[in-house]
Structures are given as C-alpha cells and as structure tokens.
Protein backbone atom coordinates (compact mmCIF):
# COMPACT_ATOMS: atom_id res chain seq x y z
CA MET A 1 -41.40 50.20 -60.44
CA PRO A 2 -39.96 47.14 -62.20
CA ALA A 3 -40.10 46.93 -65.96
CA PRO A 4 -42.65 44.57 -67.47
CA GLY A 5 -41.48 40.98 -67.17
CA GLU A 6 -39.03 41.69 -64.28
CA PRO A 7 -39.84 40.12 -60.89
CA THR A 8 -40.92 42.38 -58.05
CA PRO A 9 -38.54 42.75 -55.09
CA GLU A 10 -40.86 40.63 -52.94
CA ALA A 11 -40.63 37.74 -55.42
CA LEU A 12 -36.80 37.71 -55.45
CA PRO A 13 -35.01 35.19 -53.21
CA PRO A 14 -33.18 36.67 -50.20
CA ALA A 15 -29.70 37.90 -50.96
CA ALA A 16 -26.81 35.69 -49.93
CA PRO A 17 -24.75 37.06 -47.05
CA THR A 18 -21.50 38.74 -47.90
CA PRO A 19 -18.54 36.39 -47.33
CA GLY A 20 -16.79 37.26 -44.07
CA ALA A 21 -19.72 39.28 -42.72
CA PRO A 22 -20.98 38.29 -39.27
CA ALA A 23 -24.31 36.52 -39.10
CA PRO A 24 -27.26 38.60 -37.92
CA GLY A 25 -27.44 38.58 -34.14
CA ALA A 26 -23.84 37.34 -33.76
CA PRO A 27 -21.70 38.91 -31.02
CA LYS A 28 -19.43 41.72 -32.08
CA PRO A 29 -15.89 40.65 -32.96
CA GLY A 30 -13.23 41.56 -30.43
CA LEU A 31 -11.63 40.31 -27.27
CA GLY A 32 -13.81 38.05 -25.20
CA THR A 33 -14.22 37.90 -21.44
CA GLY A 34 -11.65 35.10 -21.17
CA VAL A 35 -8.88 37.32 -22.48
CA GLY A 36 -9.80 40.02 -19.96
CA ILE A 37 -9.68 37.52 -17.11
CA GLY A 38 -6.25 36.36 -18.30
CA VAL A 39 -4.99 39.93 -18.41
CA GLY A 40 -6.43 40.55 -14.95
CA THR A 41 -4.69 37.42 -13.66
CA GLY A 42 -1.36 38.74 -14.90
CA ILE A 43 -2.01 42.16 -13.39
CA GLY A 44 -3.06 40.50 -10.14
CA CYS A 45 0.18 38.48 -9.98
CA GLY A 46 2.29 41.57 -10.55
CA ALA A 47 0.30 43.61 -8.06
CA SER A 48 0.58 40.81 -5.49
CA LEU A 49 4.36 40.80 -5.84
CA LEU A 50 4.38 44.56 -5.37
CA ALA A 51 2.12 44.18 -2.33
CA LEU A 52 4.49 41.57 -0.89
CA ILE A 53 7.42 43.97 -1.28
CA LEU A 54 5.40 46.75 0.38
CA MET A 55 4.44 44.39 3.22
CA VAL A 56 8.09 43.53 3.87
CA LEU A 57 9.12 47.20 3.72
CA THR A 58 6.30 48.09 6.13
CA GLY A 59 7.52 45.40 8.52
CA PHE A 60 11.09 46.69 8.35
CA ALA A 61 9.88 50.22 8.99
CA GLY A 62 8.39 49.06 12.28
CA TRP A 63 4.74 49.62 11.34
CA GLY A 64 4.01 45.96 10.63
CA ALA A 65 3.37 44.83 14.18
CA SER A 66 -0.39 44.62 13.64
CA PHE A 67 -2.72 42.78 11.29
CA LEU A 68 -3.55 45.95 9.38
CA GLY A 69 0.12 46.95 9.29
CA LEU A 70 1.05 43.73 7.50
CA THR A 71 -1.92 43.33 5.19
CA TRP A 72 -2.68 46.89 4.04
CA PRO A 73 -1.17 46.41 0.54
CA PHE A 74 -3.25 43.29 -0.04
CA LEU A 75 -6.38 44.97 1.30
CA LEU A 76 -5.73 47.87 -1.08
CA LEU A 77 -5.38 45.42 -3.99
CA GLY A 78 -8.72 43.84 -3.12
CA LEU A 79 -10.38 47.24 -2.77
CA VAL A 80 -9.11 48.38 -6.18
CA SER A 81 -10.37 45.13 -7.72
CA ILE A 82 -13.81 45.61 -6.18
CA VAL A 83 -14.01 49.16 -7.52
CA LEU A 84 -13.05 47.90 -10.99
CA LEU A 85 -15.95 45.42 -10.82
CA LEU A 86 -18.38 48.34 -10.89
CA PHE A 87 -17.51 49.25 -14.49
CA LYS A 88 -18.54 46.96 -17.35
CA ARG A 89 -15.40 47.64 -19.37
CA THR A 90 -12.98 46.63 -16.58
CA ARG A 91 -15.08 43.83 -15.06
CA PRO A 92 -13.19 40.89 -16.70
CA ILE A 93 -9.86 42.34 -15.57
CA ALA A 94 -11.19 42.81 -12.03
CA ILE A 95 -12.40 39.19 -11.95
CA GLY A 96 -8.88 37.97 -12.80
CA MET A 97 -7.37 40.24 -10.18
CA LEU A 98 -9.80 38.99 -7.53
CA ILE A 99 -9.02 35.38 -8.37
CA ILE A 100 -5.34 36.01 -7.68
CA ALA A 101 -6.11 38.09 -4.57
CA ALA A 102 -8.20 35.24 -3.14
CA ALA A 103 -5.48 32.71 -3.93
CA VAL A 104 -2.85 34.87 -2.23
CA TRP A 105 -5.00 35.21 0.89
CA ILE A 106 -5.68 31.47 1.09
CA VAL A 107 -2.22 30.17 0.19
CA PHE A 108 0.13 32.82 1.56
CA LEU A 109 -1.35 35.42 3.90
CA GLY A 110 -3.63 33.19 5.96
CA PRO A 111 -0.92 30.70 6.98
CA CYS A 112 1.70 33.42 7.51
CA ILE A 113 -0.55 35.47 9.75
CA ALA A 114 -1.54 32.34 11.67
CA LEU A 115 2.12 31.47 12.20
CA LEU A 116 3.00 34.99 13.27
CA GLY A 117 0.03 35.14 15.62
CA VAL A 118 -0.81 38.69 14.62
C-alpha cells in the first residue's frame, strides 16, 4: 500500500530497460546458424579429403573395381550427414557437410566415375 501522496504502481511509467539487456522477444545470444554451416563446411572439406585417401587406398587394395568399391567413403560421409540432420543441435553442421558432399559428387566423383566407366 503506497503512502498518502505517492503514486500507485499502475500510475508509474514503465521502467526503462537495463542497458545491455536483450529486448523482449529477441533471439537468445549465441552462435547463429551461419556459423554452424561454416563449421560444417570445414568438417565436410576435411572429411572429403579423408574419403579421397580411403578411396585411393581401397583402389590399391584391389577392392575398388566397382562403383561401390570406389565411392563407399563418400557414401558414408553423406549418410553421416543425413543422420546429423535429424538432430536440431547438429543440423547447421550437417547442412554445411552436405553442401560440400554435393559439390564433391558434382565436381569430382561424377566426372571421374564417368571417365573410368565404372
């Protein structure tokens, strides 16, 4: 109960927001989706290089005479990326990985497999 002569809480103007506080309804601070996609792109590049090394080693081992024998590391990379899409926390990373996986298939694997006739 306010003292006589003091304004009631309803009559007071709204309080000014605290400096540095997020506005009501603003997204939570932290890393955005773009950063996750960038991280996923880097992971996808590294994983693609590893898959290329595994593809070459598979070919030298004599198991690479078929389509599946040459592309199994890249198929595994795509499968892992698809599984990561199922979880909200890893979805931006998976999107970046899938972008790189698609680029590798279009630019590198497709022409190489066409030239090899596998």
